Protein backbone atom coordinates (compact mmCIF):
# COMPACT_ATOMS: atom_id res chain seq x y z
CA MET A 1 0.00 0.00 0.00
CA VAL A 2 1.42 3.39 -1.03
CA VAL A 3 1.71 5.80 1.89
CA GLY A 4 -1.20 8.22 1.75
CA ALA A 5 -3.12 6.15 -0.83
CA PRO A 6 -6.77 5.60 0.10
CA VAL A 7 -7.36 2.22 1.69
CA GLU A 8 -11.13 1.97 1.28
CA PRO A 9 -11.21 1.59 -2.55
CA ALA A 10 -8.50 -1.08 -2.38
CA ILE A 11 -10.45 -3.05 0.20
CA ALA A 12 -13.66 -2.72 -1.83
CA ALA A 13 -11.85 -4.05 -4.89
CA ALA A 14 -10.46 -6.97 -2.88
CA LEU A 15 -13.94 -7.85 -1.61
CA ASP A 16 -15.27 -7.77 -5.19
CA ARG A 17 -12.54 -10.17 -6.30
CA ILE A 18 -13.28 -12.51 -3.41
CA GLY A 19 -16.99 -12.41 -4.23
CA ASP A 20 -16.19 -13.72 -7.72
CA ASP A 21 -13.67 -16.26 -6.40
CA PRO A 22 -13.79 -19.55 -8.38
CA LEU A 23 -11.30 -21.18 -5.98
CA ASN A 24 -13.61 -21.52 -2.97
CA ALA A 25 -10.74 -20.06 -0.94
CA PHE A 26 -13.02 -18.33 1.58
CA THR A 27 -15.68 -19.65 3.94
CA SER A 28 -17.01 -16.12 4.56
CA ILE A 29 -16.39 -12.49 3.63
CA ASP A 30 -15.92 -9.94 6.40
CA GLU A 31 -18.70 -7.39 6.03
CA HIS A 32 -16.95 -5.13 8.54
CA ALA A 33 -13.83 -4.76 6.37
CA PRO A 34 -15.01 -1.55 4.61
CA ASP A 35 -15.58 0.13 7.98
CA ARG A 36 -12.13 -0.92 9.07
CA ALA A 37 -10.68 0.44 5.83
CA ALA A 38 -12.49 3.75 6.25
CA GLY A 39 -10.83 4.16 9.63
CA LEU A 40 -7.42 3.68 8.04
CA ASP A 41 -7.88 6.32 5.34
CA THR A 42 -5.34 8.76 6.61
CA ALA A 43 -2.06 10.18 5.36
CA VAL A 44 -0.35 8.78 8.45
CA PRO A 45 0.43 5.04 8.12
CA SER A 46 -1.08 3.06 10.98
CA GLY A 47 1.73 0.50 11.02
CA PRO A 48 3.91 -1.76 8.86
CA LEU A 49 0.85 -3.58 7.47
CA HIS A 50 -1.09 -0.41 6.64
CA GLY A 51 -3.85 -1.38 4.21
CA TRP A 52 -2.65 -4.95 3.70
CA THR A 53 -5.52 -7.31 2.87
CA ILE A 54 -5.49 -10.44 5.03
CA GLY A 55 -7.17 -13.83 4.66
CA LEU A 56 -7.60 -15.45 8.08
CA LYS A 57 -7.84 -19.22 8.47
CA ASP A 58 -11.29 -20.11 9.79
CA LEU A 59 -10.11 -21.47 13.13
CA ILE A 60 -8.49 -18.27 14.38
CA ASP A 61 -10.90 -16.10 16.36
CA HIS A 62 -11.91 -12.67 15.08
CA ALA A 63 -14.20 -10.76 17.44
CA GLY A 64 -17.83 -10.66 16.32
CA ARG A 65 -17.26 -13.07 13.42
CA VAL A 66 -18.27 -16.72 13.35
CA THR A 67 -15.51 -19.33 13.67
CA THR A 68 -16.38 -22.70 12.09
CA CYS A 69 -13.07 -24.64 11.98
CA GLY A 70 -14.42 -25.97 8.69
CA SER A 71 -16.91 -28.15 10.58
CA SER A 72 -20.63 -28.76 10.27
CA PHE A 73 -21.57 -27.86 13.83
CA LEU A 74 -19.14 -25.31 15.30
CA ARG A 75 -20.54 -21.80 14.93
CA SER A 76 -19.01 -19.83 17.78
CA THR A 77 -18.94 -16.03 17.73
CA PRO A 78 -16.05 -14.93 19.93
CA THR A 79 -16.19 -11.65 21.81
CA ALA A 80 -12.41 -11.25 21.60
CA SER A 81 -9.97 -11.73 18.75
CA ALA A 82 -6.98 -14.02 18.85
CA THR A 83 -3.85 -12.21 20.01
CA VAL A 84 -2.32 -12.56 16.56
CA VAL A 85 -5.36 -10.87 14.97
CA ASP A 86 -5.16 -7.96 17.41
CA ARG A 87 -1.51 -7.53 16.43
CA LEU A 88 -2.18 -7.71 12.70
CA GLU A 89 -4.99 -5.17 12.90
CA GLY A 90 -2.98 -2.98 15.26
CA ALA A 91 -0.30 -2.82 12.56
CA GLY A 92 -2.82 -1.64 9.97
CA GLY A 93 -3.91 -4.93 8.41
CA VAL A 94 -7.48 -5.49 7.21
CA VAL A 95 -9.01 -8.97 7.51
CA VAL A 96 -11.29 -9.34 4.49
CA GLY A 97 -12.52 -12.86 5.12
CA ARG A 98 -12.11 -16.30 6.64
CA THR A 99 -10.23 -18.82 4.52
CA GLY A 100 -11.08 -22.45 3.88
CA LEU A 101 -9.37 -25.43 5.44
CA GLN A 102 -9.57 -29.14 5.94
CA GLU A 103 -12.09 -29.83 8.72
CA PHE A 104 -10.47 -29.01 12.09
CA ALA A 105 -7.14 -28.59 10.23
CA PHE A 106 -6.68 -32.35 10.22
CA GLY A 107 -5.26 -33.11 6.78
CA PHE A 108 -3.16 -31.91 3.87
CA SER A 109 -5.66 -31.42 1.03
CA SER A 110 -8.20 -28.74 2.09
CA GLU A 111 -10.96 -31.05 0.92
CA ASN A 112 -14.02 -30.23 2.99
CA HIS A 113 -17.36 -32.05 2.97
CA TRP A 114 -19.27 -29.07 4.39
CA PHE A 115 -17.77 -26.12 2.52
CA GLY A 116 -16.46 -27.85 -0.59
CA PRO A 117 -12.84 -28.24 -1.70
CA VAL A 118 -10.44 -25.34 -2.05
CA ARG A 119 -8.94 -25.22 -5.55
CA ASN A 120 -5.41 -24.44 -6.67
CA PRO A 121 -5.25 -21.22 -8.74
CA TRP A 122 -2.55 -22.73 -10.98
CA ASP A 123 -4.83 -25.64 -11.91
CA THR A 124 -8.36 -25.61 -10.52
CA THR A 125 -8.67 -29.38 -10.94
CA THR A 126 -6.00 -29.87 -8.28
CA SER A 127 -5.63 -29.21 -4.57
CA PRO A 128 -3.63 -26.33 -3.09
CA GLY A 129 -2.63 -28.60 -0.22
CA GLY A 130 -3.66 -28.08 3.35
CA SER A 131 -4.78 -27.65 5.84
CA SER A 132 -4.31 -23.89 5.30
CA GLY A 133 -5.17 -24.23 1.61
CA GLY A 134 -7.60 -21.32 1.50
CA SER A 135 -5.01 -18.87 2.79
CA ALA A 136 -2.40 -20.08 0.29
CA ALA A 137 -4.80 -20.11 -2.67
CA ALA A 138 -6.01 -16.60 -1.85
CA VAL A 139 -2.46 -15.26 -1.73
CA ALA A 140 -1.39 -17.06 -4.90
CA ALA A 141 -4.41 -15.74 -6.80
CA GLY A 142 -3.82 -12.17 -5.65
CA LEU A 143 -7.05 -12.05 -3.66
CA VAL A 144 -5.14 -10.94 -0.55
CA ARG A 145 -1.63 -9.78 0.19
CA LEU A 146 -1.21 -11.91 3.30
CA GLY A 147 -2.66 -15.24 4.37
CA ILE A 148 -2.62 -16.45 7.95
CA GLY A 149 -2.62 -20.19 8.58
CA THR A 150 -1.71 -22.69 11.24
CA ASP A 151 0.99 -25.34 10.99
CA THR A 152 1.38 -28.43 13.15
CA GLY A 153 2.95 -30.91 10.74
CA GLY A 154 3.10 -28.87 7.54
CA SER A 155 -0.25 -27.07 7.17
CA VAL A 156 1.34 -23.75 6.16
CA ARG A 157 4.40 -25.10 4.37
CA VAL A 158 2.64 -27.71 2.21
CA PRO A 159 0.07 -25.35 0.64
CA ALA A 160 2.75 -22.69 0.18
CA ALA A 161 4.84 -25.22 -1.73
CA LEU A 162 1.89 -26.32 -3.88
CA THR A 163 0.80 -22.79 -4.80
CA GLY A 164 4.18 -21.17 -5.46
CA THR A 165 3.97 -18.90 -2.43
CA PHE A 166 6.15 -18.55 0.67
CA GLY A 167 5.09 -19.99 4.02
CA LEU A 168 6.67 -19.93 7.46
CA LYS A 169 6.23 -22.22 10.46
CA PRO A 170 7.69 -20.07 13.25
CA THR A 171 9.59 -21.49 16.20
CA HIS A 172 7.00 -22.90 18.60
CA GLY A 173 6.02 -20.33 21.21
CA THR A 174 7.14 -17.34 19.14
CA VAL A 175 3.66 -16.43 17.87
CA PRO A 176 0.82 -16.64 20.45
CA LEU A 177 -1.83 -19.36 20.18
CA THR A 178 -4.40 -17.50 22.30
CA GLY A 179 -7.73 -17.59 20.44
CA VAL A 180 -6.61 -20.28 18.00
CA PHE A 181 -8.49 -23.60 17.91
CA PRO A 182 -5.93 -26.32 18.74
CA LEU A 183 -4.92 -29.42 16.87
CA ALA A 184 -1.95 -30.46 19.02
CA ALA A 185 -0.98 -27.43 21.06
CA SER A 186 2.53 -28.59 21.93
CA VAL A 187 3.51 -28.34 18.25
CA ASP A 188 0.87 -25.95 16.85
CA THR A 189 2.04 -22.67 15.35
CA VAL A 190 0.44 -19.71 13.58
CA GLY A 191 2.29 -18.71 10.45
CA PRO A 192 2.07 -16.28 7.51
CA ILE A 193 1.79 -17.04 3.79
CA ALA A 194 2.85 -14.38 1.29
CA ARG A 195 4.17 -13.81 -2.22
CA SER A 196 7.60 -12.70 -1.01
CA VAL A 197 10.02 -13.50 1.79
CA ARG A 198 10.10 -9.79 2.62
CA ASP A 199 6.35 -9.80 3.31
CA LEU A 200 6.78 -12.91 5.46
CA ALA A 201 9.43 -11.15 7.53
CA VAL A 202 7.32 -8.03 8.03
CA ALA A 203 4.28 -10.09 9.05
CA HIS A 204 6.27 -12.30 11.40
CA ARG A 205 7.73 -9.31 13.20
CA VAL A 206 4.21 -8.04 13.81
CA MET A 207 2.81 -11.41 14.93
CA ALA A 208 5.64 -12.55 17.22
CA GLY A 209 6.10 -11.68 20.87
CA ILE A 210 5.28 -12.82 24.38
CA ASP A 211 1.61 -13.26 25.31
CA PRO A 212 0.94 -13.77 29.05
CA ASN A 213 -2.36 -15.49 28.20
CA ASP A 214 -0.62 -18.23 26.19
CA PRO A 215 1.05 -20.93 28.32
CA TRP A 216 3.19 -21.93 25.32
CA SER A 217 4.51 -18.42 24.75
CA ARG A 218 8.28 -18.12 24.94
CA HIS A 219 10.84 -15.43 24.26
CA HIS A 220 13.11 -16.38 21.38
CA PRO A 221 15.62 -13.57 20.80
CA PRO A 222 16.49 -13.10 17.13
CA LEU A 223 19.98 -13.78 15.87
CA PRO A 224 22.08 -10.62 16.07
CA GLN A 225 22.92 -11.16 12.41
CA LEU A 226 22.55 -13.79 9.75
CA PRO A 227 25.55 -16.09 9.22
CA ASP A 228 27.74 -15.15 6.29
CA ARG A 229 27.55 -18.71 5.02
CA PRO A 230 24.34 -20.44 6.17
CA ARG A 231 24.56 -24.23 6.45
CA ILE A 232 21.79 -26.25 4.83
CA GLY A 233 21.49 -29.96 5.56
CA VAL A 234 20.06 -32.43 3.03
CA PRO A 235 18.78 -35.74 4.50
CA THR A 236 20.41 -38.10 2.02
CA GLU A 237 18.58 -41.30 3.05
CA TRP A 238 15.20 -39.64 2.71
CA LEU A 239 16.06 -38.08 -0.62
CA ALA A 240 17.27 -41.41 -1.98
CA SER A 241 14.11 -43.29 -0.96
CA ALA A 242 11.45 -40.59 -1.42
CA PRO A 243 8.81 -41.46 -4.07
CA LEU A 244 9.57 -38.41 -6.22
CA THR A 245 9.06 -38.00 -9.94
CA SER A 246 12.20 -37.29 -11.92
CA GLU A 247 10.99 -33.72 -12.53
CA VAL A 248 10.49 -32.99 -8.82
CA ARG A 249 13.82 -34.55 -7.91
CA ALA A 250 15.60 -32.49 -10.58
CA ALA A 251 13.88 -29.30 -9.39
CA PHE A 252 14.94 -30.00 -5.80
CA ILE A 253 18.56 -30.58 -6.78
CA SER A 254 18.49 -27.46 -8.95
CA ALA A 255 17.27 -25.46 -5.94
CA LEU A 256 20.16 -26.81 -3.85
CA ASP A 257 22.60 -25.78 -6.58
CA ALA A 258 21.09 -22.29 -6.62
CA LEU A 259 21.45 -21.98 -2.85
CA ALA A 260 25.08 -23.07 -3.09
CA ASP A 261 25.70 -20.50 -5.84
CA LEU A 262 24.30 -17.83 -3.49
CA GLY A 263 26.86 -18.77 -0.85
CA ALA A 264 25.12 -21.40 1.27
CA ASP A 265 27.07 -24.40 2.55
CA VAL A 266 24.94 -27.35 1.37
CA VAL A 267 25.94 -30.52 3.23
CA ASP A 268 24.71 -34.10 3.40
CA LEU A 269 22.80 -34.89 6.59
CA SER A 270 22.35 -38.44 7.85
CA ALA A 271 18.87 -39.06 9.29
CA PRO A 272 18.35 -42.78 8.67
CA THR A 273 15.41 -43.45 10.98
CA LEU A 274 11.82 -42.27 11.13
CA GLU A 275 11.31 -43.49 14.70
CA PRO A 276 11.26 -39.97 16.22
CA TRP A 277 8.55 -39.01 13.72
CA GLY A 278 6.46 -41.97 14.87
CA ALA A 279 6.78 -40.85 18.48
CA LEU A 280 5.75 -37.33 17.48
CA ASN A 281 2.68 -38.72 15.72
CA ASP A 282 1.70 -40.55 18.91
CA LEU A 283 2.12 -37.35 20.91
CA MET A 284 0.03 -35.34 18.47
CA GLY A 285 -2.63 -38.04 18.24
CA ALA A 286 -3.14 -38.07 22.00
CA GLN A 287 -3.60 -34.29 22.05
CA VAL A 288 -6.02 -34.35 19.11
CA ALA A 289 -8.07 -37.07 20.82
CA ALA A 290 -8.26 -35.03 24.02
CA VAL A 291 -9.70 -32.05 22.12
CA HIS A 292 -12.22 -34.07 20.09
CA ARG A 293 -13.21 -36.83 22.53
CA ALA A 294 -16.60 -35.41 23.53
CA TRP A 295 -17.67 -34.77 19.94
CA MET A 296 -16.58 -38.23 18.78
CA ALA A 297 -18.83 -39.73 21.47
CA ASP A 298 -21.84 -37.53 20.63
CA PRO A 299 -24.11 -39.13 18.00
CA THR A 300 -25.94 -35.83 17.44
CA LYS A 301 -22.83 -34.26 15.95
CA GLU A 302 -22.12 -34.80 12.25
CA TYR A 303 -18.52 -35.52 13.11
């Protein structure tokens, strides 16, 4: 957003684009967004996200708006926004709608029986990945500048990879989880999706920080400076056995070569066993079951 440029027309245009969205990237449009934009129409920028359009995954609370988690029966209307939403809006961002997801964020496709599948803007017959597929598809299609998703085991990174956008799973505890519906809280994170690494960095700086209401919140001081020669490890056993097409494998190796040309130290990394991943799955599964136990036992819920 250009400093001093009116925000309201830009938000109105974004809402028009979303209304004609063939991707099913949104579960709802925020009817309050024009009012929010009108309040930002000033020559003085309100923050680093001044006028940025934001798509918010539909399991992150936004005060006065319904949160569905992509389910058939959850229709809560929170009185308070998630901490991360307060920070995004405080920095000048405008949430224009809630983005689609796999039900309860439990999956990698963004298929959804109740709201329909989210479609990939590069090929609408394919999936954008998940579970934050709506946020990634909206960013990739230019419907919003910034998408906000959640990532436990890949739910920001997978759809970013499948839509040609950039996604970040922050260090756990860096970005508050207050007001975010959990999957497995000990590994849940809230992360941004954008069309550039620069936008990711700006958004992350706004979102991160201690929240006394979040028991998982931790202070993680940033590095004083980036290393001159970052070291990137490549798990050789996984790469050798991964069921990749020749095109994907070649693209991955080409990316490693490009990183090396830019000055990175690309090294082989031995990680021969998947046993720790199995233990992590058990840990996550127990936490998911604890959250969903009552609904699984309730025959009146279309669960």
